[in-house]
PDB file of N, CA and C in Angstrom:
ATOM      1  N   GLN A   1     -16.307  10.177  -9.122  1.00  0.00           N
ATOM      2  CA  GLN A   1     -16.501   9.636  -7.797  1.00  0.00           C
ATOM      3  C   GLN A   1     -15.260   9.881  -6.947  1.00  0.00           C
ATOM      4  N   VAL A   2     -15.470   9.793  -5.645  1.00  0.00           N
ATOM      5  CA  VAL A   2     -14.370   9.921  -4.707  1.00  0.00           C
ATOM      6  C   VAL A   2     -14.212   8.586  -3.984  1.00  0.00           C
ATOM      7  N   GLN A   3     -12.964   8.167  -3.807  1.00  0.00           N
ATOM      8  CA  GLN A   3     -12.664   6.952  -3.071  1.00  0.00           C
ATOM      9  C   GLN A   3     -12.112   7.334  -1.702  1.00  0.00           C
ATOM     10  N   LEU A   4     -12.564   6.630  -0.667  1.00  0.00           N
ATOM     11  CA  LEU A   4     -12.204   6.957   0.700  1.00  0.00           C
ATOM     12  C   LEU A   4     -11.558   5.759   1.381  1.00  0.00           C
ATOM     13  N   VAL A   5     -10.511   6.020   2.149  1.00  0.00           N
ATOM     14  CA  VAL A   5      -9.821   4.985   2.905  1.00  0.00           C
ATOM     15  C   VAL A   5      -9.577   5.484   4.315  1.00  0.00           C
ATOM     16  N   GLU A   6     -10.086   4.743   5.303  1.00  0.00           N
ATOM     17  CA  GLU A   6      -9.883   5.094   6.699  1.00  0.00           C
ATOM     18  C   GLU A   6      -8.646   4.399   7.244  1.00  0.00           C
ATOM     19  N   SER A   7      -8.018   5.037   8.215  1.00  0.00           N
ATOM     20  CA  SER A   7      -6.884   4.444   8.903  1.00  0.00           C
ATOM     21  C   SER A   7      -6.799   5.034  10.299  1.00  0.00           C
ATOM     22  N   GLY A   8      -5.988   4.424  11.138  1.00  0.00           N
ATOM     23  CA  GLY A   8      -5.735   4.952  12.465  1.00  0.00           C
ATOM     24  C   GLY A   8      -6.419   4.217  13.593  1.00  0.00           C
ATOM     25  N   GLY A   9      -7.238   3.233  13.275  1.00  0.00           N
ATOM     26  CA  GLY A   9      -7.897   2.481  14.318  1.00  0.00           C
ATOM     27  C   GLY A   9      -6.928   1.579  15.059  1.00  0.00           C
ATOM     28  N   GLY A  10      -7.398   1.031  16.158  1.00  0.00           N
ATOM     29  CA  GLY A  10      -6.567   0.149  16.949  1.00  0.00           C
ATOM     30  C   GLY A  10      -7.174  -0.122  18.299  1.00  0.00           C
ATOM     31  N   LEU A  11      -6.359  -0.683  19.166  1.00  0.00           N
ATOM     32  CA  LEU A  11      -6.760  -1.016  20.528  1.00  0.00           C
ATOM     33  C   LEU A  11      -6.209   0.031  21.477  1.00  0.00           C
ATOM     34  N   VAL A  12      -7.068   0.545  22.330  1.00  0.00           N
ATOM     35  CA  VAL A  12      -6.665   1.580  23.270  1.00  0.00           C
ATOM     36  C   VAL A  12      -7.387   1.370  24.593  1.00  0.00           C
ATOM     37  N   GLN A  13      -6.735   1.751  25.667  1.00  0.00           N
ATOM     38  CA  GLN A  13      -7.352   1.671  26.982  1.00  0.00           C
ATOM     39  C   GLN A  13      -8.362   2.792  27.168  1.00  0.00           C
ATOM     40  N   ALA A  14      -9.353   2.559  27.987  1.00  0.00           N
ATOM     41  CA  ALA A  14     -10.318   3.601  28.306  1.00  0.00           C
ATOM     42  C   ALA A  14      -9.601   4.843  28.821  1.00  0.00           C
ATOM     43  N   GLY A  15     -10.031   5.988  28.333  1.00  0.00           N
ATOM     44  CA  GLY A  15      -9.391   7.241  28.675  1.00  0.00           C
ATOM     45  C   GLY A  15      -8.310   7.662  27.703  1.00  0.00           C
ATOM     46  N   GLY A  16      -7.936   6.771  26.814  1.00  0.00           N
ATOM     47  CA  GLY A  16      -6.903   7.064  25.842  1.00  0.00           C
ATOM     48  C   GLY A  16      -7.432   7.783  24.624  1.00  0.00           C
ATOM     49  N   SER A  17      -6.556   7.953  23.640  1.00  0.00           N
ATOM     50  CA  SER A  17      -6.889   8.706  22.439  1.00  0.00           C
ATOM     51  C   SER A  17      -6.470   7.965  21.185  1.00  0.00           C
ATOM     52  N   LEU A  18      -7.188   8.224  20.126  1.00  0.00           N
ATOM     53  CA  LEU A  18      -6.839   7.759  18.795  1.00  0.00           C
ATOM     54  C   LEU A  18      -7.175   8.860  17.804  1.00  0.00           C
ATOM     55  N   ARG A  19      -6.454   8.879  16.708  1.00  0.00           N
ATOM     56  CA  ARG A  19      -6.739   9.823  15.638  1.00  0.00           C
ATOM     57  C   ARG A  19      -6.977   9.035  14.364  1.00  0.00           C
ATOM     58  N   LEU A  20      -8.196   9.102  13.872  1.00  0.00           N
ATOM     59  CA  LEU A  20      -8.553   8.441  12.635  1.00  0.00           C
ATOM     60  C   LEU A  20      -8.368   9.399  11.468  1.00  0.00           C
ATOM     61  N   SER A  21      -8.027   8.842  10.326  1.00  0.00           N
ATOM     62  CA  SER A  21      -7.849   9.646   9.141  1.00  0.00           C
ATOM     63  C   SER A  21      -8.656   9.065   7.989  1.00  0.00           C
ATOM     64  N   CYS A  22      -9.257   9.929   7.220  1.00  0.00           N
ATOM     65  CA  CYS A  22      -9.988   9.558   6.016  1.00  0.00           C
ATOM     66  C   CYS A  22      -9.268  10.193   4.846  1.00  0.00           C
ATOM     67  N   ALA A  23      -8.652   9.371   4.030  1.00  0.00           N
ATOM     68  CA  ALA A  23      -7.910   9.851   2.877  1.00  0.00           C
ATOM     69  C   ALA A  23      -8.730   9.654   1.613  1.00  0.00           C
ATOM     70  N   ALA A  24      -8.752  10.667   0.787  1.00  0.00           N
ATOM     71  CA  ALA A  24      -9.553  10.629  -0.426  1.00  0.00           C
ATOM     72  C   ALA A  24      -8.684  10.616  -1.667  1.00  0.00           C
ATOM     73  N   SER A  25      -9.204   9.994  -2.694  1.00  0.00           N
ATOM     74  CA  SER A  25      -8.588  10.031  -4.009  1.00  0.00           C
ATOM     75  C   SER A  25      -9.684  10.144  -5.054  1.00  0.00           C
ATOM     76  N   GLY A  26      -9.314  10.598  -6.207  1.00  0.00           N
ATOM     77  CA  GLY A  26     -10.276  10.745  -7.287  1.00  0.00           C
ATOM     78  C   GLY A  26     -10.901  12.122  -7.358  1.00  0.00           C
ATOM     79  N   ARG A  27     -11.154  12.710  -6.221  1.00  0.00           N
ATOM     80  CA  ARG A  27     -11.730  14.046  -6.132  1.00  0.00           C
ATOM     81  C   ARG A  27     -11.114  14.799  -4.958  1.00  0.00           C
ATOM     82  N   THR A  28     -11.272  16.095  -4.986  1.00  0.00           N
ATOM     83  CA  THR A  28     -10.827  16.927  -3.878  1.00  0.00           C
ATOM     84  C   THR A  28     -11.869  16.866  -2.777  1.00  0.00           C
ATOM     85  N   LEU A  29     -11.459  16.401  -1.608  1.00  0.00           N
ATOM     86  CA  LEU A  29     -12.391  16.177  -0.518  1.00  0.00           C
ATOM     87  C   LEU A  29     -12.994  17.469   0.006  1.00  0.00           C
ATOM     88  N   SER A  30     -12.319  18.565  -0.207  1.00  0.00           N
ATOM     89  CA  SER A  30     -12.836  19.845   0.256  1.00  0.00           C
ATOM     90  C   SER A  30     -14.144  20.227  -0.410  1.00  0.00           C
ATOM     91  N   SER A  31     -14.482  19.562  -1.497  1.00  0.00           N
ATOM     92  CA  SER A  31     -15.725  19.838  -2.204  1.00  0.00           C
ATOM     93  C   SER A  31     -16.911  19.059  -1.651  1.00  0.00           C
ATOM     94  N   TYR A  32     -16.673  18.234  -0.645  1.00  0.00           N
ATOM     95  CA  TYR A  32     -17.699  17.371  -0.090  1.00  0.00           C
ATOM     96  C   TYR A  32     -17.932  17.639   1.386  1.00  0.00           C
ATOM     97  N   THR A  33     -19.156  17.399   1.813  1.00  0.00           N
ATOM     98  CA  THR A  33     -19.413  17.230   3.230  1.00  0.00           C
ATOM     99  C   THR A  33     -18.936  15.833   3.617  1.00  0.00           C
ATOM    100  N   VAL A  34     -18.206  15.729   4.708  1.00  0.00           N
ATOM    101  CA  VAL A  34     -17.635  14.465   5.137  1.00  0.00           C
ATOM    102  C   VAL A  34     -18.132  14.125   6.529  1.00  0.00           C
ATOM    103  N   GLY A  35     -18.560  12.896   6.692  1.00  0.00           N
ATOM    104  CA  GLY A  35     -19.039  12.435   7.980  1.00  0.00           C
ATOM    105  C   GLY A  35     -18.298  11.210   8.455  1.00  0.00           C
ATOM    106  N   TRP A  36     -18.268  11.044   9.759  1.00  0.00           N
ATOM    107  CA  TRP A  36     -17.776   9.824  10.389  1.00  0.00           C
ATOM    108  C   TRP A  36     -18.951   9.100  11.025  1.00  0.00           C
ATOM    109  N   PHE A  37     -19.032   7.819  10.774  1.00  0.00           N
ATOM    110  CA  PHE A  37     -20.060   6.965  11.338  1.00  0.00           C
ATOM    111  C   PHE A  37     -19.390   5.781  12.019  1.00  0.00           C
ATOM    112  N   ARG A  38     -20.131   5.100  12.856  1.00  0.00           N
ATOM    113  CA  ARG A  38     -19.576   3.914  13.493  1.00  0.00           C
ATOM    114  C   ARG A  38     -20.649   2.847  13.622  1.00  0.00           C
ATOM    115  N   GLN A  39     -20.192   1.611  13.662  1.00  0.00           N
ATOM    116  CA  GLN A  39     -21.100   0.485  13.773  1.00  0.00           C
ATOM    117  C   GLN A  39     -20.498  -0.545  14.720  1.00  0.00           C
ATOM    118  N   ALA A  40     -21.181  -0.769  15.821  1.00  0.00           N
ATOM    119  CA  ALA A  40     -20.777  -1.770  16.787  1.00  0.00           C
ATOM    120  C   ALA A  40     -21.448  -3.095  16.442  1.00  0.00           C
ATOM    121  N   PRO A  41     -20.889  -4.208  16.910  1.00  0.00           N
ATOM    122  CA  PRO A  41     -21.494  -5.513  16.629  1.00  0.00           C
ATOM    123  C   PRO A  41     -22.953  -5.568  17.064  1.00  0.00           C
ATOM    124  N   GLY A  42     -23.808  -6.022  16.173  1.00  0.00           N
ATOM    125  CA  GLY A  42     -25.217  -6.137  16.479  1.00  0.00           C
ATOM    126  C   GLY A  42     -25.984  -4.833  16.474  1.00  0.00           C
ATOM    127  N   LYS A  43     -25.339  -3.747  16.127  1.00  0.00           N
ATOM    128  CA  LYS A  43     -25.971  -2.438  16.120  1.00  0.00           C
ATOM    129  C   LYS A  43     -25.991  -1.868  14.711  1.00  0.00           C
ATOM    130  N   GLU A  44     -26.896  -0.940  14.479  1.00  0.00           N
ATOM    131  CA  GLU A  44     -26.934  -0.254  13.201  1.00  0.00           C
ATOM    132  C   GLU A  44     -25.874   0.836  13.152  1.00  0.00           C
ATOM    133  N   ARG A  45     -25.478   1.179  11.949  1.00  0.00           N
ATOM    134  CA  ARG A  45     -24.506   2.233  11.768  1.00  0.00           C
ATOM    135  C   ARG A  45     -25.086   3.562  12.243  1.00  0.00           C
ATOM    136  N   GLU A  46     -24.292   4.321  13.004  1.00  0.00           N
ATOM    137  CA  GLU A  46     -24.774   5.563  13.570  1.00  0.00           C
ATOM    138  C   GLU A  46     -23.831   6.719  13.269  1.00  0.00           C
ATOM    139  N   PHE A  47     -24.406   7.892  13.224  1.00  0.00           N
ATOM    140  CA  PHE A  47     -23.651   9.101  12.967  1.00  0.00           C
ATOM    141  C   PHE A  47     -22.786   9.468  14.159  1.00  0.00           C
ATOM    142  N   VAL A  48     -21.582   9.952  13.877  1.00  0.00           N
ATOM    143  CA  VAL A  48     -20.667  10.402  14.919  1.00  0.00           C
ATOM    144  C   VAL A  48     -20.366  11.897  14.777  1.00  0.00           C
ATOM    145  N   ALA A  49     -19.881  12.295  13.618  1.00  0.00           N
ATOM    146  CA  ALA A  49     -19.489  13.683  13.401  1.00  0.00           C
ATOM    147  C   ALA A  49     -19.465  13.974  11.914  1.00  0.00           C
ATOM    148  N   ALA A  50     -19.567  15.245  11.563  1.00  0.00           N
ATOM    149  CA  ALA A  50     -19.503  15.641  10.164  1.00  0.00           C
ATOM    150  C   ALA A  50     -18.935  17.037  10.049  1.00  0.00           C
ATOM    151  N   ILE A  51     -18.385  17.318   8.886  1.00  0.00           N
ATOM    152  CA  ILE A  51     -17.842  18.641   8.599  1.00  0.00           C
ATOM    153  C   ILE A  51     -18.241  19.022   7.188  1.00  0.00           C
ATOM    154  N   GLY A  52     -18.717  20.247   7.040  1.00  0.00           N
ATOM    155  CA  GLY A  52     -19.140  20.731   5.740  1.00  0.00           C
ATOM    156  C   GLY A  52     -17.991  21.263   4.919  1.00  0.00           C
ATOM    157  N   TRP A  53     -18.344  21.899   3.829  1.00  0.00           N
ATOM    158  CA  TRP A  53     -17.313  22.470   2.956  1.00  0.00           C
ATOM    159  C   TRP A  53     -16.472  23.498   3.683  1.00  0.00           C
ATOM    160  N   SER A  54     -17.097  24.219   4.593  1.00  0.00           N
ATOM    161  CA  SER A  54     -16.390  25.167   5.433  1.00  0.00           C
ATOM    162  C   SER A  54     -15.967  24.476   6.720  1.00  0.00           C
ATOM    163  N   VAL A  55     -14.729  24.677   7.137  1.00  0.00           N
ATOM    164  CA  VAL A  55     -14.227  24.039   8.350  1.00  0.00           C
ATOM    165  C   VAL A  55     -14.949  24.523   9.592  1.00  0.00           C
ATOM    166  N   SER A  56     -15.645  25.631   9.493  1.00  0.00           N
ATOM    167  CA  SER A  56     -16.357  26.169  10.635  1.00  0.00           C
ATOM    168  C   SER A  56     -17.719  25.519  10.851  1.00  0.00           C
ATOM    169  N   ARG A  57     -18.158  24.711   9.907  1.00  0.00           N
ATOM    170  CA  ARG A  57     -19.453  24.061  10.007  1.00  0.00           C
ATOM    171  C   ARG A  57     -19.255  22.589  10.361  1.00  0.00           C
ATOM    172  N   THR A  58     -19.506  22.273  11.623  1.00  0.00           N
ATOM    173  CA  THR A  58     -19.343  20.910  12.114  1.00  0.00           C
ATOM    174  C   THR A  58     -20.548  20.494  12.941  1.00  0.00           C
ATOM    175  N   TYR A  59     -20.691  19.195  13.119  1.00  0.00           N
ATOM    176  CA  TYR A  59     -21.778  18.657  13.915  1.00  0.00           C
ATOM    177  C   TYR A  59     -21.309  17.370  14.573  1.00  0.00           C
ATOM    178  N   TYR A  60     -21.708  17.180  15.829  1.00  0.00           N
ATOM    179  CA  TYR A  60     -21.345  15.992  16.583  1.00  0.00           C
ATOM    180  C   TYR A  60     -22.575  15.404  17.250  1.00  0.00           C
ATOM    181  N   THR A  61     -22.616  14.095  17.314  1.00  0.00           N
ATOM    182  CA  THR A  61     -23.655  13.473  18.100  1.00  0.00           C
ATOM    183  C   THR A  61     -23.364  13.746  19.574  1.00  0.00           C
ATOM    184  N   ASP A  62     -24.402  13.808  20.381  1.00  0.00           N
ATOM    185  CA  ASP A  62     -24.259  14.241  21.767  1.00  0.00           C
ATOM    186  C   ASP A  62     -23.255  13.404  22.561  1.00  0.00           C
ATOM    187  N   SER A  63     -23.186  12.130  22.295  1.00  0.00           N
ATOM    188  CA  SER A  63     -22.351  11.253  23.091  1.00  0.00           C
ATOM    189  C   SER A  63     -20.853  11.491  22.914  1.00  0.00           C
ATOM    190  N   VAL A  64     -20.458  12.212  21.867  1.00  0.00           N
ATOM    191  CA  VAL A  64     -19.034  12.447  21.633  1.00  0.00           C
ATOM    192  C   VAL A  64     -18.642  13.916  21.756  1.00  0.00           C
ATOM    193  N   LYS A  65     -19.592  14.787  21.982  1.00  0.00           N
ATOM    194  CA  LYS A  65     -19.285  16.209  22.107  1.00  0.00           C
ATOM    195  C   LYS A  65     -18.314  16.445  23.259  1.00  0.00           C
ATOM    196  N   GLY A  66     -17.312  17.251  22.984  1.00  0.00           N
ATOM    197  CA  GLY A  66     -16.298  17.527  23.978  1.00  0.00           C
ATOM    198  C   GLY A  66     -15.176  16.520  24.019  1.00  0.00           C
ATOM    199  N   ARG A  67     -15.346  15.391  23.347  1.00  0.00           N
ATOM    200  CA  ARG A  67     -14.322  14.347  23.313  1.00  0.00           C
ATOM    201  C   ARG A  67     -13.734  14.148  21.912  1.00  0.00           C
ATOM    202  N   PHE A  68     -14.564  14.261  20.898  1.00  0.00           N
ATOM    203  CA  PHE A  68     -14.133  14.039  19.520  1.00  0.00           C
ATOM    204  C   PHE A  68     -14.079  15.364  18.775  1.00  0.00           C
ATOM    205  N   THR A  69     -13.149  15.467  17.842  1.00  0.00           N
ATOM    206  CA  THR A  69     -13.033  16.646  16.999  1.00  0.00           C
ATOM    207  C   THR A  69     -12.809  16.221  15.558  1.00  0.00           C
ATOM    208  N   ILE A  70     -13.621  16.735  14.657  1.00  0.00           N
ATOM    209  CA  ILE A  70     -13.453  16.467  13.240  1.00  0.00           C
ATOM    210  C   ILE A  70     -12.785  17.675  12.599  1.00  0.00           C
ATOM    211  N   SER A  71     -11.872  17.421  11.686  1.00  0.00           N
ATOM    212  CA  SER A  71     -11.138  18.506  11.051  1.00  0.00           C
ATOM    213  C   SER A  71     -10.702  18.113   9.647  1.00  0.00           C
ATOM    214  N   ARG A  72     -10.380  19.115   8.873  1.00  0.00           N
ATOM    215  CA  ARG A  72      -9.890  18.904   7.515  1.00  0.00           C
ATOM    216  C   ARG A  72      -8.425  19.303   7.397  1.00  0.00           C
ATOM    217  N   ASP A  73      -7.724  18.608   6.535  1.00  0.00           N
ATOM    218  CA  ASP A  73      -6.399  19.016   6.097  1.00  0.00           C
ATOM    219  C   ASP A  73      -6.448  18.991   4.578  1.00  0.00           C
ATOM    220  N   ASN A  74      -6.796  20.115   4.004  1.00  0.00           N
ATOM    221  CA  ASN A  74      -7.000  20.162   2.564  1.00  0.00           C
ATOM    222  C   ASN A  74      -5.714  19.908   1.783  1.00  0.00           C
ATOM    223  N   ALA A  75      -4.578  20.277   2.357  1.00  0.00           N
ATOM    224  CA  ALA A  75      -3.307  20.041   1.685  1.00  0.00           C
ATOM    225  C   ALA A  75      -3.050  18.553   1.483  1.00  0.00           C
ATOM    226  N   LYS A  76      -3.528  17.732   2.406  1.00  0.00           N
ATOM    227  CA  LYS A  76      -3.359  16.282   2.319  1.00  0.00           C
ATOM    228  C   LYS A  76      -4.595  15.579   1.786  1.00  0.00           C
ATOM    229  N   ASN A  77      -5.648  16.346   1.535  1.00  0.00           N
ATOM    230  CA  ASN A  77      -6.916  15.795   1.068  1.00  0.00           C
ATOM    231  C   ASN A  77      -7.439  14.732   2.035  1.00  0.00           C
ATOM    232  N   THR A  78      -7.433  15.080   3.314  1.00  0.00           N
ATOM    233  CA  THR A  78      -7.879  14.171   4.350  1.00  0.00           C
ATOM    234  C   THR A  78      -8.821  14.864   5.317  1.00  0.00           C
ATOM    235  N   VAL A  79      -9.595  14.055   6.010  1.00  0.00           N
ATOM    236  CA  VAL A  79     -10.410  14.496   7.128  1.00  0.00           C
ATOM    237  C   VAL A  79     -10.087  13.600   8.307  1.00  0.00           C
ATOM    238  N   ALA A  80      -9.837  14.203   9.448  1.00  0.00           N
ATOM    239  CA  ALA A  80      -9.456  13.458  10.632  1.00  0.00           C
ATOM    240  C   ALA A  80     -10.550  13.477  11.679  1.00  0.00           C
ATOM    241  N   LEU A  81     -10.542  12.457  12.509  1.00  0.00           N
ATOM    242  CA  LEU A  81     -11.397  12.411  13.687  1.00  0.00           C
ATOM    243  C   LEU A  81     -10.498  12.146  14.882  1.00  0.00           C
ATOM    244  N   GLN A  82     -10.258  13.179  15.662  1.00  0.00           N
ATOM    245  CA  GLN A  82      -9.484  13.049  16.880  1.00  0.00           C
ATOM    246  C   GLN A  82     -10.417  12.600  17.989  1.00  0.00           C
ATOM    247  N   MET A  83     -10.108  11.479  18.604  1.00  0.00           N
ATOM    248  CA  MET A  83     -10.955  10.897  19.627  1.00  0.00           C
ATOM    249  C   MET A  83     -10.184  10.857  20.939  1.00  0.00           C
ATOM    250  N   ASN A  84     -10.646  11.610  21.902  1.00  0.00           N
ATOM    251  CA  ASN A  84     -10.036  11.664  23.218  1.00  0.00           C
ATOM    252  C   ASN A  84     -10.989  11.098  24.260  1.00  0.00           C
ATOM    253  N   SER A  85     -10.436  10.783  25.417  1.00  0.00           N
ATOM    254  CA  SER A  85     -11.234  10.260  26.530  1.00  0.00           C
ATOM    255  C   SER A  85     -12.130   9.114  26.085  1.00  0.00           C
ATOM    256  N   LEU A  86     -11.545   8.182  25.377  1.00  0.00           N
ATOM    257  CA  LEU A  86     -12.323   7.086  24.809  1.00  0.00           C
ATOM    258  C   LEU A  86     -12.923   6.202  25.884  1.00  0.00           C
ATOM    259  N   LYS A  87     -14.107   5.706  25.580  1.00  0.00           N
ATOM    260  CA  LYS A  87     -14.863   4.846  26.476  1.00  0.00           C
ATOM    261  C   LYS A  87     -15.110   3.507  25.806  1.00  0.00           C
ATOM    262  N   PRO A  88     -15.325   2.460  26.580  1.00  0.00           N
ATOM    263  CA  PRO A  88     -15.612   1.157  25.966  1.00  0.00           C
ATOM    264  C   PRO A  88     -16.792   1.203  24.997  1.00  0.00           C
ATOM    265  N   GLU A  89     -17.774   2.030  25.260  1.00  0.00           N
ATOM    266  CA  GLU A  89     -18.915   2.130  24.373  1.00  0.00           C
ATOM    267  C   GLU A  89     -18.596   2.789  23.038  1.00  0.00           C
ATOM    268  N   ASP A  90     -17.386   3.330  22.892  1.00  0.00           N
ATOM    269  CA  ASP A  90     -16.944   3.859  21.611  1.00  0.00           C
ATOM    270  C   ASP A  90     -16.440   2.762  20.682  1.00  0.00           C
ATOM    271  N   THR A  91     -16.312   1.554  21.188  1.00  0.00           N
ATOM    272  CA  THR A  91     -15.829   0.434  20.390  1.00  0.00           C
ATOM    273  C   THR A  91     -16.755   0.188  19.202  1.00  0.00           C
ATOM    274  N   ALA A  92     -16.188   0.191  18.013  1.00  0.00           N
ATOM    275  CA  ALA A  92     -16.967   0.012  16.793  1.00  0.00           C
ATOM    276  C   ALA A  92     -16.032   0.045  15.598  1.00  0.00           C
ATOM    277  N   VAL A  93     -16.572  -0.308  14.450  1.00  0.00           N
ATOM    278  CA  VAL A  93     -15.895  -0.030  13.201  1.00  0.00           C
ATOM    279  C   VAL A  93     -16.291   1.378  12.786  1.00  0.00           C
ATOM    280  N   TYR A  94     -15.308   2.201  12.520  1.00  0.00           N
ATOM    281  CA  TYR A  94     -15.553   3.585  12.154  1.00  0.00           C
ATOM    282  C   TYR A  94     -15.399   3.764  10.655  1.00  0.00           C
ATOM    283  N   TYR A  95     -16.377   4.426  10.062  1.00  0.00           N
ATOM    284  CA  TYR A  95     -16.420   4.631   8.627  1.00  0.00           C
ATOM    285  C   TYR A  95     -16.407   6.113   8.289  1.00  0.00           C
ATOM    286  N   CYS A  96     -15.693   6.448   7.255  1.00  0.00           N
ATOM    287  CA  CYS A  96     -15.716   7.777   6.685  1.00  0.00           C
ATOM    288  C   CYS A  96     -16.677   7.775   5.504  1.00  0.00           C
ATOM    289  N   ALA A  97     -17.433   8.836   5.364  1.00  0.00           N
ATOM    290  CA  ALA A  97     -18.379   8.952   4.271  1.00  0.00           C
ATOM    291  C   ALA A  97     -18.369  10.365   3.715  1.00  0.00           C
ATOM    292  N   ALA A  98     -18.698  10.485   2.452  1.00  0.00           N
ATOM    293  CA  ALA A  98     -18.738  11.779   1.789  1.00  0.00           C
ATOM    294  C   ALA A  98     -20.036  11.931   1.017  1.00  0.00           C
ATOM    295  N   GLY A  99     -20.516  13.149   0.974  1.00  0.00           N
ATOM    296  CA  GLY A  99     -21.719  13.453   0.226  1.00  0.00           C
ATOM    297  C   GLY A  99     -21.601  14.776  -0.486  1.00  0.00           C
ATOM    298  N   SER A 100     -22.182  14.840  -1.648  1.00  0.00           N
ATOM    299  CA  SER A 100     -22.113  16.055  -2.459  1.00  0.00           C
ATOM    300  C   SER A 100     -23.307  16.949  -2.176  1.00  0.00           C
ATOM    301  N   PHE A 101     -23.351  17.451  -0.964  1.00  0.00           N
ATOM    302  CA  PHE A 101     -24.378  18.401  -0.580  1.00  0.00           C
ATOM    303  C   PHE A 101     -23.727  19.526   0.200  1.00  0.00           C
ATOM    304  N   PRO A 102     -24.314  20.701   0.144  1.00  0.00           N
ATOM    305  CA  PRO A 102     -23.630  21.889   0.677  1.00  0.00           C
ATOM    306  C   PRO A 102     -23.767  22.114   2.169  1.00  0.00           C
ATOM    307  N   VAL A 103     -24.552  21.296   2.855  1.00  0.00           N
ATOM    308  CA  VAL A 103     -24.738  21.455   4.291  1.00  0.00           C
ATOM    309  C   VAL A 103     -24.446  20.144   4.988  1.00  0.00           C
ATOM    310  N   VAL A 104     -24.174  20.245   6.281  1.00  0.00           N
ATOM    311  CA  VAL A 104     -23.911  19.055   7.078  1.00  0.00           C
ATOM    312  C   VAL A 104     -25.191  18.243   7.228  1.00  0.00           C
ATOM    313  N   ARG A 105     -25.084  16.945   6.988  1.00  0.00           N
ATOM    314  CA  ARG A 105     -26.195  16.029   7.155  1.00  0.00           C
ATOM    315  C   ARG A 105     -25.746  14.853   8.008  1.00  0.00           C
ATOM    316  N   VAL A 106     -26.692  14.221   8.691  1.00  0.00           N
ATOM    317  CA  VAL A 106     -26.357  13.180   9.661  1.00  0.00           C
ATOM    318  C   VAL A 106     -26.940  11.815   9.318  1.00  0.00           C
ATOM    319  N   GLY A 107     -27.717  11.719   8.283  1.00  0.00           N
ATOM    320  CA  GLY A 107     -28.339  10.461   7.934  1.00  0.00           C
ATOM    321  C   GLY A 107     -27.413   9.543   7.143  1.00  0.00           C
ATOM    322  N   VAL A 108     -27.385   8.279   7.526  1.00  0.00           N
ATOM    323  CA  VAL A 108     -26.541   7.302   6.845  1.00  0.00           C
ATOM    324  C   VAL A 108     -26.871   7.226   5.364  1.00  0.00           C
ATOM    325  N   THR A 109     -28.139   7.245   5.040  1.00  0.00           N
ATOM    326  CA  THR A 109     -28.563   7.083   3.653  1.00  0.00           C
ATOM    327  C   THR A 109     -28.295   8.304   2.802  1.00  0.00           C
ATOM    328  N   GLU A 110     -27.908   9.399   3.391  1.00  0.00           N
ATOM    329  CA  GLU A 110     -27.674  10.620   2.637  1.00  0.00           C
ATOM    330  C   GLU A 110     -26.261  10.712   2.068  1.00  0.00           C
ATOM    331  N   TYR A 111     -25.365   9.864   2.511  1.00  0.00           N
ATOM    332  CA  TYR A 111     -23.988   9.870   2.039  1.00  0.00           C
ATOM    333  C   TYR A 111     -23.804   8.814   0.957  1.00  0.00           C
ATOM    334  N   GLY A 112     -23.218   9.224  -0.149  1.00  0.00           N
ATOM    335  CA  GLY A 112     -23.092   8.324  -1.277  1.00  0.00           C
ATOM    336  C   GLY A 112     -21.792   7.566  -1.379  1.00  0.00           C
ATOM    337  N   TYR A 113     -20.764   8.014  -0.681  1.00  0.00           N
ATOM    338  CA  TYR A 113     -19.445   7.405  -0.783  1.00  0.00           C
ATOM    339  C   TYR A 113     -18.952   6.995   0.593  1.00  0.00           C
ATOM    340  N   TRP A 114     -18.430   5.782   0.688  1.00  0.00           N
ATOM    341  CA  TRP A 114     -18.015   5.207   1.960  1.00  0.00           C
ATOM    342  C   TRP A 114     -16.662   4.535   1.856  1.00  0.00           C
ATOM    343  N   GLY A 115     -15.903   4.609   2.932  1.00  0.00           N
ATOM    344  CA  GLY A 115     -14.670   3.860   3.036  1.00  0.00           C
ATOM    345  C   GLY A 115     -14.931   2.464   3.545  1.00  0.00           C
ATOM    346  N   GLN A 116     -13.854   1.712   3.750  1.00  0.00           N
ATOM    347  CA  GLN A 116     -13.973   0.313   4.154  1.00  0.00           C
ATOM    348  C   GLN A 116     -14.123   0.128   5.653  1.00  0.00           C
ATOM    349  N   GLY A 117     -13.835   1.150   6.422  1.00  0.00           N
ATOM    350  CA  GLY A 117     -13.933   1.087   7.864  1.00  0.00           C
ATOM    351  C   GLY A 117     -12.625   0.748   8.543  1.00  0.00           C
ATOM    352  N   THR A 118     -12.475   1.214   9.765  1.00  0.00           N
ATOM    353  CA  THR A 118     -11.317   0.895  10.581  1.00  0.00           C
ATOM    354  C   THR A 118     -11.793   0.582  11.998  1.00  0.00           C
ATOM    355  N   GLN A 119     -11.251  -0.489  12.574  1.00  0.00           N
ATOM    356  CA  GLN A 119     -11.716  -0.962  13.871  1.00  0.00           C
ATOM    357  C   GLN A 119     -11.117  -0.144  15.000  1.00  0.00           C
ATOM    358  N   VAL A 120     -11.976   0.286  15.904  1.00  0.00           N
ATOM    359  CA  VAL A 120     -11.561   0.934  17.140  1.00  0.00           C
ATOM    360  C   VAL A 120     -12.064   0.092  18.294  1.00  0.00           C
ATOM    361  N   THR A 121     -11.157  -0.337  19.147  1.00  0.00           N
ATOM    362  CA  THR A 121     -11.517  -1.139  20.308  1.00  0.00           C
ATOM    363  C   THR A 121     -10.998  -0.449  21.559  1.00  0.00           C
ATOM    364  N   VAL A 122     -11.893  -0.176  22.480  1.00  0.00           N
ATOM    365  CA  VAL A 122     -11.544   0.491  23.727  1.00  0.00           C
ATOM    366  C   VAL A 122     -11.775  -0.489  24.865  1.00  0.00           C
ATOM    367  N   SER A 123     -10.728  -0.823  25.576  1.00  0.00           N
ATOM    368  CA  SER A 123     -10.818  -1.779  26.663  1.00  0.00           C
ATOM    369  C   SER A 123     -10.959  -1.064  27.996  1.00  0.00           C
ATOM    370  N   SER A 124     -11.572  -1.754  28.950  1.00  0.00           N
ATOM    371  CA  SER A 124     -11.780  -1.186  30.272  1.00  0.00           C
ATOM    372  C   SER A 124     -10.501  -1.226  31.091  1.00  0.00           C
TER     373      SER A 124
END
C-alpha cells in the first residue's frame, strides 16, 4: 500500500496562490495515477485534477482549468497542486488520492488510497 499526506493548505485572499503537496511513503508514487479532490462543507467530495503515470497525461475539472496545475516530482516522491487566482468557491478540504490504474480517472470511488486532507480557505 501507499500512504499519502497532504500539506500546504492555509488561508489566502481571493486572487492569491497556494501550492499543495502530496507526499507518499511505502510505494513509489510514480507508479500510480494521482488525483486531487476537494470537499466543501455540506458538499460531496469532487474531482479537481489528476495526473497519470506519464507527466504528460493530466486532467482538470472545468472550474479550475487555467488556474490550477498538477505536477509530479519523482525525486521527492510527491505530487503538487499549484493553485493560482484562487476564488472563495475554492474553499474546501483538499485530498490527495492514488489509484493503481494506468489511465487518468476522475471518480472518487475509483481511487483506493487517500490522504487526511488539508484545509484551503479563500477569503473575499
